[in-house]
Amino acid sequence: MELSHRIFGKISTGEEIDEFTITNRNGVTIRLLSFGGTLSSVQTIDAHERAEEITLGFDTLEGYLGSHPYFGATVGRVANRIAKGAFSLDGQSYSLYCNDGPNHLHGGKRGFDHVVWQASPFSKEVQAGVRFSYTSPDGEEGYPGNLNVQVTYTLDEGDDLEMRYEATGDKPTPVNLTNHTYWNLKGAGNGDIRDHRMTIYADSYLPVDSDLIPTGELRKVVGTPFNFRAEKAIRKGLEASGGYDHCFAIKRKGEGLAKAARVYEPTTGRGFEIHTTLPGVQYYTGNFLTGMVGRGGREFAKHGAFCLETEGFPDAVNHPAFPSVILRPGQRYQATTKIHFFCQ
């Protein structure tokens, strides 16, 4: 394993932002930033052993400091949407910053994607990684309690990228963390993702209203454009669905890692599988990427990438029937997601 470090830039306060690069013997390379706890880059080889960037991002820190759709970021304190930016907990009402029309999205105006994390790199014979730590103060973006958060990214020689999330707090508070990487296995900026072959291991999905807030129903995928139980091209159902931005309830047995999704791109032979301990995976097909310019000056077009965000269900704080996202003092939030890269 190879692990290197450099200063990626400085923010307005003069604080330096770290960039870590990790490469394994098979040519899988990841880059991590202390700004946003960001997975800023993933490169893997194709069937012809050519390495290429397969995530969307920026060449410089300035891109990440500005407004962007959470490229590679650690998202929290609560990922996805909270209806009307409001919830009640133990008889007390809380109001959050609404940054998505009438709703709260991905932690608010300054979520975990726009804070500086403390970085602790580590390297062993068969794996290397970085542990990022951040303390979210009581009242940040309207959330109750001080929250200590750690996110650990680990790449190993078996081409597995693990993301492990941990948190503890001193007041009851909702916690729902995820990573928001955008993927294109043909190569970032190399056209759209319509011909990627997608499998999502879910029998049900969460229908949403016009604001993309779950209705509270878990609907069976059979007979709908949301049926990805058998592998199919993303283009199938893309127009019928209006573009995917929906959470799927992962089919699982027990509380350990369960297979969430598998993606394969036939022209390059690249693919990956995702396993997670979390109950849901948000499948998003880059419906609003039109006109955005990123790494290498390439324009990212509509449906130019997809996201598979493993997480608790959206707006779970307002749906008692959903798996709880409430963390209480004395408890530890723990979640793990593993991505296994392959080429065939």
Foldseek 3Di string as FASTA:
>chain_A
DDKDKDFQQADPVRDTKIKIWDAAPQGWIWIAIQFQRFRAWTWHAFPVRDIFTWWFFAPGVVRLQDDDDQARGKFDQAAAKAAQQWFDDPRDIWHFAADQVSIAHRQHPQTSNGDGWDWDWDDDDFKTWIKTWDWDAACRRGWGWIKIKIWIWMQGNQQKTKIKIKMATAAKTFGKIWTWIWGDVVHQLPDAQQFKKKAFQAQWWFDADPSRAGPLDTHGCPPALNHRNDIDGNNRRCVVVVWFFIKGFHDDDDQDWDWGMKIAHPVGQKIKTKIKSAGIWTKGQQQPQPQDAHYPRRRQHGNRTITTIGIFHHNCSVHVVGPGRIHGHPDMDIMMMMMHMDGD
